[in-house]
Amino acid sequence: MREQFDRLFQTHYEPILRYAARRVGTESAHDVANETFLVAWRRQDKVPSAAEEELPWLYGVARQIIANEERSRRRRDRLGARLRAVRQPDQCAPQPETGSVLSAMNRLSPGDREVLRLVAWEGLDNRAAAIVVGCSARTFSVRLHRARKRLAAELSSTEPERSLPCVTTSMS
C-alpha cells in the first residue's frame, strides 16, 4: 500500500502542482497539491487501479479542493462585507480621538487588554466574556475591575482630565 502511494506521488506530483499553479497561482499551488495527495492517501481504496486513470482522478480531486477553497473565500468575503456594512453606534470601537486611550491600553498587560476589549469593544457581558477567558463570571468581574483601575492609572499619568471611554459595568 505504501509503495503504491509512493509511486503515485512520485509520478503525479509535478503534473498536479502545475495544474494547481495554473488555476490558483504558484503561492497556493503547493497547498492544493499537498491536499490532493492527502486525499489520495486517505482514500487509497478510491484511487483507480488503472495507471492511465490515476492522473485524471487526481485532477478531479484537485479541482474539488480548488472549488471548495473558492467557495470558502467567497463566504469569507461576503461575511466581511456584511460586517463592514453593520454599524452599531451603541458599541464602542476605537475612534481617532481615542489615541491616548489606545496608548494607555498598549501599556497594560495582554491579559488586562483582552479583558477590557471583550467588554468595551466586543460588547460582551461578564458572563460571556468569562467563557471566552475560561474563568467564572465572578473571577472575570474582579479581573475587569482591576484592569479598569490600571487603565485609569495609565490614563491619569498622561492626561489627568481624561475619563474612561464607553466602558460599562455588567454584573451578569
N, C-alpha and C. Protein backbone atom coordinates (compact mmCIF):
# COMPACT_ATOMS: atom_id res chain seq x y z
N MET A 1 0.83 -1.17 0.00
CA MET A 1 0.00 0.00 0.00
C MET A 1 0.88 1.25 0.00
N ARG A 2 1.88 1.30 0.86
CA ARG A 2 2.79 2.44 0.93
C ARG A 2 3.55 2.60 -0.39
N GLU A 3 3.99 1.50 -0.96
CA GLU A 3 4.74 1.56 -2.22
C GLU A 3 3.86 2.11 -3.34
N GLN A 4 2.60 1.71 -3.37
CA GLN A 4 1.67 2.21 -4.38
C GLN A 4 1.51 3.72 -4.26
N PHE A 5 1.35 4.18 -3.04
CA PHE A 5 1.18 5.62 -2.84
C PHE A 5 2.45 6.37 -3.22
N ASP A 6 3.60 5.85 -2.81
CA ASP A 6 4.87 6.49 -3.17
C ASP A 6 5.00 6.63 -4.68
N ARG A 7 4.63 5.57 -5.40
CA ARG A 7 4.71 5.62 -6.86
C ARG A 7 3.73 6.65 -7.41
N LEU A 8 2.53 6.67 -6.87
CA LEU A 8 1.52 7.64 -7.29
C LEU A 8 2.03 9.06 -7.07
N PHE A 9 2.61 9.30 -5.92
CA PHE A 9 3.12 10.62 -5.59
C PHE A 9 4.28 11.00 -6.51
N GLN A 10 5.25 10.12 -6.65
CA GLN A 10 6.41 10.40 -7.49
C GLN A 10 6.01 10.66 -8.94
N THR A 11 5.05 9.92 -9.42
CA THR A 11 4.64 10.02 -10.82
C THR A 11 3.80 11.26 -11.09
N HIS A 12 2.95 11.64 -10.16
CA HIS A 12 1.93 12.63 -10.48
C HIS A 12 2.02 13.95 -9.69
N TYR A 13 2.97 14.09 -8.79
CA TYR A 13 3.02 15.33 -8.01
C TYR A 13 3.25 16.55 -8.90
N GLU A 14 4.24 16.47 -9.77
CA GLU A 14 4.56 17.62 -10.63
C GLU A 14 3.38 18.02 -11.55
N PRO A 15 2.72 17.07 -12.21
CA PRO A 15 1.56 17.47 -13.02
C PRO A 15 0.44 18.11 -12.19
N ILE A 16 0.22 17.61 -10.99
CA ILE A 16 -0.82 18.18 -10.12
C ILE A 16 -0.39 19.58 -9.68
N LEU A 17 0.87 19.75 -9.36
CA LEU A 17 1.38 21.06 -8.97
C LEU A 17 1.21 22.07 -10.11
N ARG A 18 1.54 21.68 -11.31
CA ARG A 18 1.37 22.58 -12.47
C ARG A 18 -0.11 22.90 -12.69
N TYR A 19 -0.96 21.88 -12.58
CA TYR A 19 -2.41 22.06 -12.73
C TYR A 19 -2.89 23.12 -11.73
N ALA A 20 -2.48 22.97 -10.47
CA ALA A 20 -2.92 23.90 -9.43
C ALA A 20 -2.34 25.29 -9.67
N ALA A 21 -1.09 25.37 -10.07
CA ALA A 21 -0.45 26.68 -10.30
C ALA A 21 -1.16 27.46 -11.40
N ARG A 22 -1.62 26.78 -12.42
CA ARG A 22 -2.33 27.46 -13.50
C ARG A 22 -3.69 27.99 -13.04
N ARG A 23 -4.23 27.44 -11.97
CA ARG A 23 -5.56 27.84 -11.52
C ARG A 23 -5.54 28.77 -10.32
N VAL A 24 -4.59 28.57 -9.41
CA VAL A 24 -4.59 29.37 -8.19
C VAL A 24 -3.31 30.15 -7.98
N GLY A 25 -2.35 30.03 -8.88
CA GLY A 25 -1.08 30.72 -8.72
C GLY A 25 -0.07 29.88 -7.97
N THR A 26 1.17 30.25 -8.10
CA THR A 26 2.25 29.44 -7.53
C THR A 26 2.25 29.45 -6.00
N GLU A 27 1.77 30.54 -5.38
CA GLU A 27 1.79 30.59 -3.92
C GLU A 27 0.89 29.54 -3.28
N SER A 28 -0.26 29.30 -3.87
CA SER A 28 -1.22 28.35 -3.30
C SER A 28 -1.13 26.97 -3.92
N ALA A 29 -0.37 26.83 -5.00
CA ALA A 29 -0.32 25.56 -5.73
C ALA A 29 0.19 24.42 -4.87
N HIS A 30 1.21 24.66 -4.08
CA HIS A 30 1.75 23.59 -3.23
C HIS A 30 0.71 23.11 -2.22
N ASP A 31 -0.06 24.05 -1.67
CA ASP A 31 -1.11 23.67 -0.72
C ASP A 31 -2.15 22.77 -1.39
N VAL A 32 -2.56 23.15 -2.59
CA VAL A 32 -3.55 22.34 -3.32
C VAL A 32 -2.97 20.97 -3.64
N ALA A 33 -1.75 20.93 -4.13
CA ALA A 33 -1.13 19.64 -4.48
C ALA A 33 -0.99 18.76 -3.24
N ASN A 34 -0.54 19.35 -2.16
CA ASN A 34 -0.37 18.56 -0.92
C ASN A 34 -1.70 18.04 -0.41
N GLU A 35 -2.72 18.88 -0.46
CA GLU A 35 -4.03 18.43 -0.01
C GLU A 35 -4.60 17.35 -0.93
N THR A 36 -4.30 17.46 -2.22
CA THR A 36 -4.74 16.45 -3.18
C THR A 36 -4.16 15.09 -2.82
N PHE A 37 -2.88 15.07 -2.49
CA PHE A 37 -2.26 13.79 -2.15
C PHE A 37 -2.64 13.33 -0.75
N LEU A 38 -3.03 14.24 0.11
CA LEU A 38 -3.56 13.84 1.40
C LEU A 38 -4.88 13.09 1.20
N VAL A 39 -5.72 13.60 0.31
CA VAL A 39 -6.98 12.92 -0.01
C VAL A 39 -6.68 11.55 -0.63
N ALA A 40 -5.70 11.52 -1.52
CA ALA A 40 -5.35 10.25 -2.15
C ALA A 40 -4.85 9.25 -1.11
N TRP A 41 -4.11 9.71 -0.13
CA TRP A 41 -3.61 8.83 0.92
C TRP A 41 -4.78 8.30 1.75
N ARG A 42 -5.67 9.18 2.12
CA ARG A 42 -6.80 8.79 2.96
C ARG A 42 -7.80 7.91 2.22
N ARG A 43 -7.88 8.09 0.91
CA ARG A 43 -8.89 7.36 0.13
C ARG A 43 -8.22 6.44 -0.89
N GLN A 44 -7.19 5.76 -0.47
CA GLN A 44 -6.46 4.89 -1.38
C GLN A 44 -7.36 3.86 -2.04
N ASP A 45 -8.40 3.47 -1.35
CA ASP A 45 -9.32 2.49 -1.93
C ASP A 45 -10.10 3.08 -3.12
N LYS A 46 -10.16 4.40 -3.24
CA LYS A 46 -10.88 5.05 -4.34
C LYS A 46 -9.98 5.39 -5.53
N VAL A 47 -8.65 5.37 -5.34
CA VAL A 47 -7.73 5.67 -6.43
C VAL A 47 -7.88 4.58 -7.49
N PRO A 48 -8.08 4.97 -8.75
CA PRO A 48 -8.27 3.96 -9.81
C PRO A 48 -7.05 3.03 -9.90
N SER A 49 -7.32 1.79 -10.18
CA SER A 49 -6.23 0.81 -10.29
C SER A 49 -5.52 0.91 -11.63
N ALA A 50 -6.18 1.43 -12.64
CA ALA A 50 -5.55 1.58 -13.96
C ALA A 50 -4.67 2.83 -13.94
N ALA A 51 -3.41 2.69 -14.32
CA ALA A 51 -2.45 3.78 -14.28
C ALA A 51 -2.90 4.98 -15.10
N GLU A 52 -3.56 4.73 -16.22
CA GLU A 52 -3.98 5.85 -17.08
C GLU A 52 -5.15 6.64 -16.49
N GLU A 53 -5.78 6.10 -15.45
CA GLU A 53 -6.90 6.81 -14.82
C GLU A 53 -6.48 7.55 -13.55
N GLU A 54 -5.26 7.30 -13.08
CA GLU A 54 -4.81 7.93 -11.83
C GLU A 54 -4.75 9.45 -11.95
N LEU A 55 -4.06 9.95 -12.96
CA LEU A 55 -3.90 11.39 -13.09
C LEU A 55 -5.24 12.11 -13.27
N PRO A 56 -6.12 11.64 -14.12
CA PRO A 56 -7.43 12.31 -14.20
C PRO A 56 -8.18 12.30 -12.87
N TRP A 57 -8.07 11.21 -12.13
CA TRP A 57 -8.73 11.14 -10.82
C TRP A 57 -8.12 12.19 -9.89
N LEU A 58 -6.79 12.31 -9.88
CA LEU A 58 -6.12 13.31 -9.05
C LEU A 58 -6.49 14.73 -9.49
N TYR A 59 -6.60 14.95 -10.80
CA TYR A 59 -7.06 16.26 -11.28
C TYR A 59 -8.45 16.57 -10.73
N GLY A 60 -9.31 15.58 -10.72
CA GLY A 60 -10.66 15.77 -10.18
C GLY A 60 -10.62 16.13 -8.70
N VAL A 61 -9.74 15.47 -7.95
CA VAL A 61 -9.61 15.79 -6.52
C VAL A 61 -9.11 17.22 -6.37
N ALA A 62 -8.08 17.58 -7.13
CA ALA A 62 -7.53 18.94 -7.06
C ALA A 62 -8.59 19.97 -7.43
N ARG A 63 -9.36 19.65 -8.44
CA ARG A 63 -10.43 20.56 -8.88
C ARG A 63 -11.42 20.81 -7.76
N GLN A 64 -11.79 19.75 -7.03
CA GLN A 64 -12.72 19.89 -5.90
C GLN A 64 -12.10 20.71 -4.78
N ILE A 65 -10.84 20.50 -4.52
CA ILE A 65 -10.15 21.25 -3.46
C ILE A 65 -10.14 22.73 -3.82
N ILE A 66 -9.83 23.04 -5.06
CA ILE A 66 -9.81 24.44 -5.51
C ILE A 66 -11.22 25.03 -5.42
N ALA A 67 -12.22 24.27 -5.83
CA ALA A 67 -13.61 24.76 -5.77
C ALA A 67 -14.03 25.00 -4.32
N ASN A 68 -13.66 24.10 -3.43
CA ASN A 68 -14.00 24.27 -2.01
C ASN A 68 -13.34 25.52 -1.45
N GLU A 69 -12.09 25.73 -1.79
CA GLU A 69 -11.37 26.91 -1.31
C GLU A 69 -11.99 28.18 -1.87
N GLU A 70 -12.37 28.15 -3.12
CA GLU A 70 -13.00 29.32 -3.74
C GLU A 70 -14.34 29.62 -3.06
N ARG A 71 -15.14 28.60 -2.76
CA ARG A 71 -16.40 28.83 -2.05
C ARG A 71 -16.13 29.41 -0.67
N SER A 72 -15.13 28.89 0.02
CA SER A 72 -14.79 29.41 1.35
C SER A 72 -14.36 30.87 1.26
N ARG A 73 -13.56 31.20 0.26
CA ARG A 73 -13.09 32.57 0.09
C ARG A 73 -14.27 33.51 -0.17
N ARG A 74 -15.21 33.07 -1.02
CA ARG A 74 -16.38 33.90 -1.30
C ARG A 74 -17.23 34.10 -0.05
N ARG A 75 -17.39 33.04 0.76
CA ARG A 75 -18.16 33.18 2.00
C ARG A 75 -17.47 34.16 2.95
N ARG A 76 -16.14 34.05 3.06
CA ARG A 76 -15.41 34.99 3.92
C ARG A 76 -15.56 36.42 3.41
N ASP A 77 -15.46 36.60 2.10
CA ASP A 77 -15.61 37.94 1.52
C ASP A 77 -17.00 38.50 1.80
N ARG A 78 -18.04 37.67 1.63
CA ARG A 78 -19.41 38.14 1.89
C ARG A 78 -19.60 38.48 3.36
N LEU A 79 -19.05 37.65 4.24
CA LEU A 79 -19.16 37.92 5.66
C LEU A 79 -18.43 39.21 6.01
N GLY A 80 -17.25 39.39 5.46
CA GLY A 80 -16.51 40.63 5.70
C GLY A 80 -17.28 41.85 5.24
N ALA A 81 -17.90 41.74 4.07
CA ALA A 81 -18.69 42.86 3.55
C ALA A 81 -19.88 43.14 4.47
N ARG A 82 -20.54 42.09 4.95
CA ARG A 82 -21.68 42.29 5.86
C ARG A 82 -21.22 42.93 7.17
N LEU A 83 -20.08 42.47 7.69
CA LEU A 83 -19.59 43.03 8.94
C LEU A 83 -19.19 44.50 8.78
N ARG A 84 -18.60 44.84 7.65
CA ARG A 84 -18.24 46.23 7.41
C ARG A 84 -19.48 47.10 7.25
N ALA A 85 -20.55 46.54 6.73
CA ALA A 85 -21.78 47.29 6.49
C ALA A 85 -22.56 47.55 7.78
N VAL A 86 -22.39 46.68 8.76
CA VAL A 86 -23.13 46.81 10.01
C VAL A 86 -22.42 47.83 10.90
N ARG A 87 -23.15 48.83 11.28
CA ARG A 87 -22.60 49.84 12.19
C ARG A 87 -23.54 49.90 13.39
N GLN A 88 -23.00 49.64 14.54
CA GLN A 88 -23.83 49.68 15.74
C GLN A 88 -23.28 50.77 16.65
N PRO A 89 -23.92 51.92 16.68
CA PRO A 89 -23.39 53.05 17.44
C PRO A 89 -23.32 52.83 18.94
N ASP A 90 -24.08 51.87 19.47
CA ASP A 90 -24.05 51.65 20.92
C ASP A 90 -22.83 50.86 21.36
N GLN A 91 -22.11 50.28 20.43
CA GLN A 91 -20.91 49.53 20.79
C GLN A 91 -19.70 50.42 20.67
N CYS A 92 -18.75 50.22 21.54
CA CYS A 92 -17.52 51.00 21.50
C CYS A 92 -16.62 50.47 20.40
N ALA A 93 -15.97 51.36 19.76
CA ALA A 93 -14.97 50.99 18.76
C ALA A 93 -13.89 52.05 18.82
N PRO A 94 -12.68 51.68 18.51
CA PRO A 94 -11.62 52.68 18.58
C PRO A 94 -11.88 53.81 17.58
N GLN A 95 -11.84 55.02 18.05
CA GLN A 95 -12.03 56.21 17.22
C GLN A 95 -10.71 56.97 17.19
N PRO A 96 -10.52 57.81 16.17
CA PRO A 96 -9.28 58.56 16.09
C PRO A 96 -8.97 59.35 17.35
N GLU A 97 -10.01 59.91 18.01
CA GLU A 97 -9.77 60.73 19.20
C GLU A 97 -9.39 59.89 20.42
N THR A 98 -9.42 58.59 20.32
CA THR A 98 -9.08 57.74 21.46
C THR A 98 -7.62 57.29 21.40
N GLY A 99 -6.81 58.02 20.71
CA GLY A 99 -5.39 57.66 20.58
C GLY A 99 -4.70 57.49 21.92
N SER A 100 -4.98 58.40 22.88
CA SER A 100 -4.32 58.29 24.18
C SER A 100 -4.84 57.08 24.94
N VAL A 101 -6.11 56.74 24.74
CA VAL A 101 -6.65 55.54 25.38
C VAL A 101 -5.96 54.30 24.82
N LEU A 102 -5.81 54.26 23.51
CA LEU A 102 -5.12 53.12 22.90
C LEU A 102 -3.68 53.04 23.36
N SER A 103 -3.02 54.18 23.50
CA SER A 103 -1.65 54.18 24.00
C SER A 103 -1.60 53.63 25.42
N ALA A 104 -2.55 54.07 26.25
CA ALA A 104 -2.61 53.57 27.63
C ALA A 104 -2.91 52.08 27.63
N MET A 105 -3.82 51.65 26.76
CA MET A 105 -4.14 50.21 26.67
C MET A 105 -2.90 49.41 26.31
N ASN A 106 -2.12 49.92 25.38
CA ASN A 106 -0.92 49.20 24.94
C ASN A 106 0.13 49.08 26.04
N ARG A 107 0.05 49.93 27.04
CA ARG A 107 0.99 49.82 28.17
C ARG A 107 0.53 48.80 29.21
N LEU A 108 -0.72 48.33 29.09
CA LEU A 108 -1.23 47.31 30.01
C LEU A 108 -0.75 45.92 29.61
N SER A 109 -0.92 44.97 30.50
CA SER A 109 -0.56 43.59 30.18
C SER A 109 -1.53 43.04 29.13
N PRO A 110 -1.11 42.01 28.39
CA PRO A 110 -2.02 41.42 27.40
C PRO A 110 -3.32 40.93 28.04
N GLY A 111 -3.25 40.40 29.24
CA GLY A 111 -4.45 39.92 29.92
C GLY A 111 -5.43 41.05 30.22
N ASP A 112 -4.90 42.17 30.74
CA ASP A 112 -5.75 43.33 31.01
C ASP A 112 -6.37 43.87 29.73
N ARG A 113 -5.58 43.95 28.67
CA ARG A 113 -6.10 44.45 27.40
C ARG A 113 -7.24 43.58 26.90
N GLU A 114 -7.07 42.27 26.99
CA GLU A 114 -8.10 41.36 26.49
C GLU A 114 -9.39 41.49 27.28
N VAL A 115 -9.28 41.57 28.59
CA VAL A 115 -10.46 41.71 29.45
C VAL A 115 -11.22 42.99 29.09
N LEU A 116 -10.50 44.09 28.95
CA LEU A 116 -11.14 45.37 28.62
C LEU A 116 -11.75 45.34 27.22
N ARG A 117 -11.06 44.76 26.28
CA ARG A 117 -11.58 44.71 24.91
C ARG A 117 -12.82 43.85 24.80
N LEU A 118 -12.85 42.73 25.51
CA LEU A 118 -14.02 41.86 25.44
C LEU A 118 -15.28 42.60 25.87
N VAL A 119 -15.15 43.43 26.89
CA VAL A 119 -16.31 44.14 27.40
C VAL A 119 -16.58 45.41 26.59
N ALA A 120 -15.55 46.21 26.37
CA ALA A 120 -15.76 47.52 25.74
C ALA A 120 -15.90 47.43 24.23
N TRP A 121 -15.10 46.65 23.58
CA TRP A 121 -15.11 46.64 22.12
C TRP A 121 -16.02 45.56 21.56
N GLU A 122 -16.05 44.39 22.21
CA GLU A 122 -16.87 43.30 21.69
C GLU A 122 -18.28 43.34 22.27
N GLY A 123 -18.48 44.13 23.32
CA GLY A 123 -19.81 44.29 23.89
C GLY A 123 -20.30 43.09 24.67
N LEU A 124 -19.41 42.26 25.16
CA LEU A 124 -19.82 41.08 25.92
C LEU A 124 -20.12 41.45 27.36
N ASP A 125 -21.07 40.75 27.96
CA ASP A 125 -21.28 40.92 29.39
C ASP A 125 -20.25 40.06 30.12
N ASN A 126 -20.20 40.20 31.42
CA ASN A 126 -19.16 39.49 32.19
C ASN A 126 -19.27 37.98 32.05
N ARG A 127 -20.48 37.47 32.01
CA ARG A 127 -20.67 36.02 31.91
C ARG A 127 -20.11 35.49 30.58
N ALA A 128 -20.45 36.16 29.49
CA ALA A 128 -19.96 35.73 28.18
C ALA A 128 -18.45 35.91 28.06
N ALA A 129 -17.96 37.03 28.56
CA ALA A 129 -16.51 37.27 28.50
C ALA A 129 -15.75 36.26 29.35
N ALA A 130 -16.34 35.85 30.47
CA ALA A 130 -15.70 34.85 31.32
C ALA A 130 -15.55 33.52 30.58
N ILE A 131 -16.52 33.19 29.76
CA ILE A 131 -16.43 31.96 28.97
C ILE A 131 -15.26 32.06 28.00
N VAL A 132 -15.11 33.22 27.37
CA VAL A 132 -14.00 33.42 26.42
C VAL A 132 -12.67 33.25 27.13
N VAL A 133 -12.53 33.85 28.31
CA VAL A 133 -11.27 33.82 29.04
C VAL A 133 -11.05 32.48 29.74
N GLY A 134 -12.14 31.80 30.06
CA GLY A 134 -12.01 30.50 30.71
C GLY A 134 -11.99 30.59 32.23
N CYS A 135 -12.84 31.43 32.78
CA CYS A 135 -12.92 31.55 34.24
C CYS A 135 -14.38 31.77 34.62
N SER A 136 -14.64 31.91 35.91
CA SER A 136 -16.01 32.16 36.36
C SER A 136 -16.35 33.63 36.12
N ALA A 137 -17.64 33.93 36.11
CA ALA A 137 -18.08 35.31 35.93
C ALA A 137 -17.58 36.20 37.06
N ARG A 138 -17.57 35.67 38.27
CA ARG A 138 -17.09 36.45 39.42
C ARG A 138 -15.60 36.75 39.27
N THR A 139 -14.82 35.76 38.89
CA THR A 139 -13.39 35.98 38.68
C THR A 139 -13.17 36.99 37.56
N PHE A 140 -13.97 36.88 36.52
CA PHE A 140 -13.84 37.85 35.42
C PHE A 140 -14.15 39.26 35.91
N SER A 141 -15.19 39.40 36.72
CA SER A 141 -15.55 40.72 37.25
C SER A 141 -14.39 41.34 38.03
N VAL A 142 -13.70 40.53 38.82
CA VAL A 142 -12.54 41.02 39.58
C VAL A 142 -11.43 41.43 38.62
N ARG A 143 -11.16 40.60 37.61
CA ARG A 143 -10.13 40.94 36.63
C ARG A 143 -10.48 42.23 35.89
N LEU A 144 -11.73 42.38 35.53
CA LEU A 144 -12.17 43.57 34.83
C LEU A 144 -12.00 44.81 35.72
N HIS A 145 -12.41 44.69 36.96
CA HIS A 145 -12.28 45.81 37.90
C HIS A 145 -10.82 46.23 38.02
N ARG A 146 -9.95 45.27 38.19
CA ARG A 146 -8.51 45.57 38.33
C ARG A 146 -7.93 46.16 37.04
N ALA A 147 -8.36 45.62 35.90
CA ALA A 147 -7.87 46.13 34.62
C ALA A 147 -8.32 47.57 34.42
N ARG A 148 -9.55 47.88 34.81
CA ARG A 148 -10.07 49.25 34.68
C ARG A 148 -9.26 50.21 35.57
N LYS A 149 -8.94 49.76 36.78
CA LYS A 149 -8.14 50.60 37.68
C LYS A 149 -6.76 50.86 37.08
N ARG A 150 -6.15 49.82 36.51
CA ARG A 150 -4.82 50.01 35.91
C ARG A 150 -4.90 50.92 34.69
N LEU A 151 -5.97 50.78 33.89
CA LEU A 151 -6.15 51.66 32.74
C LEU A 151 -6.35 53.10 33.20
N ALA A 152 -7.16 53.30 34.22
CA ALA A 152 -7.38 54.65 34.74
C ALA A 152 -6.07 55.26 35.24
N ALA A 153 -5.25 54.44 35.89
CA ALA A 153 -3.95 54.94 36.37
C ALA A 153 -3.06 55.33 35.20
N GLU A 154 -3.06 54.52 34.15
CA GLU A 154 -2.27 54.85 32.96
C GLU A 154 -2.76 56.13 32.32
N LEU A 155 -4.08 56.28 32.23
CA LEU A 155 -4.64 57.49 31.63
C LEU A 155 -4.35 58.72 32.47
N SER A 156 -4.47 58.59 33.78
CA SER A 156 -4.25 59.75 34.64
C SER A 156 -2.78 60.15 34.67
N SER A 157 -1.89 59.21 34.39
CA SER A 157 -0.47 59.57 34.37
C SER A 157 -0.11 60.38 33.14
N THR A 158 -0.92 60.31 32.08
CA THR A 158 -0.65 61.07 30.87
C THR A 158 -1.63 62.22 30.67
N GLU A 159 -2.90 62.04 31.04
CA GLU A 159 -3.92 63.07 30.87
C GLU A 159 -4.85 63.06 32.08
N PRO A 160 -4.59 63.88 33.07
CA PRO A 160 -5.40 63.85 34.29
C PRO A 160 -6.89 64.13 34.07
N GLU A 161 -7.26 64.87 33.04
CA GLU A 161 -8.66 65.23 32.81
C GLU A 161 -9.45 64.16 32.08
N ARG A 162 -8.80 63.17 31.51
CA ARG A 162 -9.46 62.21 30.61
C ARG A 162 -10.25 61.17 31.41
N SER A 163 -11.44 60.83 30.96
CA SER A 163 -12.24 59.79 31.60
C SER A 163 -12.24 58.55 30.71
N LEU A 164 -12.65 57.44 31.27
CA LEU A 164 -12.68 56.18 30.52
C LEU A 164 -13.76 56.20 29.46
N PRO A 165 -13.45 55.77 28.24
CA PRO A 165 -14.44 55.79 27.16
C PRO A 165 -15.31 54.54 27.16
N CYS A 166 -16.59 54.72 27.19
CA CYS A 166 -17.55 53.66 26.87
C CYS A 166 -17.22 52.33 27.51
N VAL A 167 -16.89 52.31 28.77
CA VAL A 167 -16.64 51.06 29.47
C VAL A 167 -17.77 50.91 30.46
N THR A 168 -18.57 49.89 30.27
CA THR A 168 -19.75 49.71 31.12
C THR A 168 -19.52 48.59 32.10
N THR A 169 -20.17 48.67 33.22
CA THR A 169 -20.07 47.61 34.22
C THR A 169 -21.25 46.68 34.05
N SER A 170 -20.95 45.39 34.00
CA SER A 170 -22.01 44.40 33.86
C SER A 170 -21.77 43.32 34.90
N MET A 171 -22.70 43.12 35.76
CA MET A 171 -22.54 42.10 36.81
C MET A 171 -23.36 40.86 36.49
N SER A 172 -23.38 40.46 35.27
CA SER A 172 -24.14 39.27 34.83
C SER A 172 -23.58 38.03 35.44
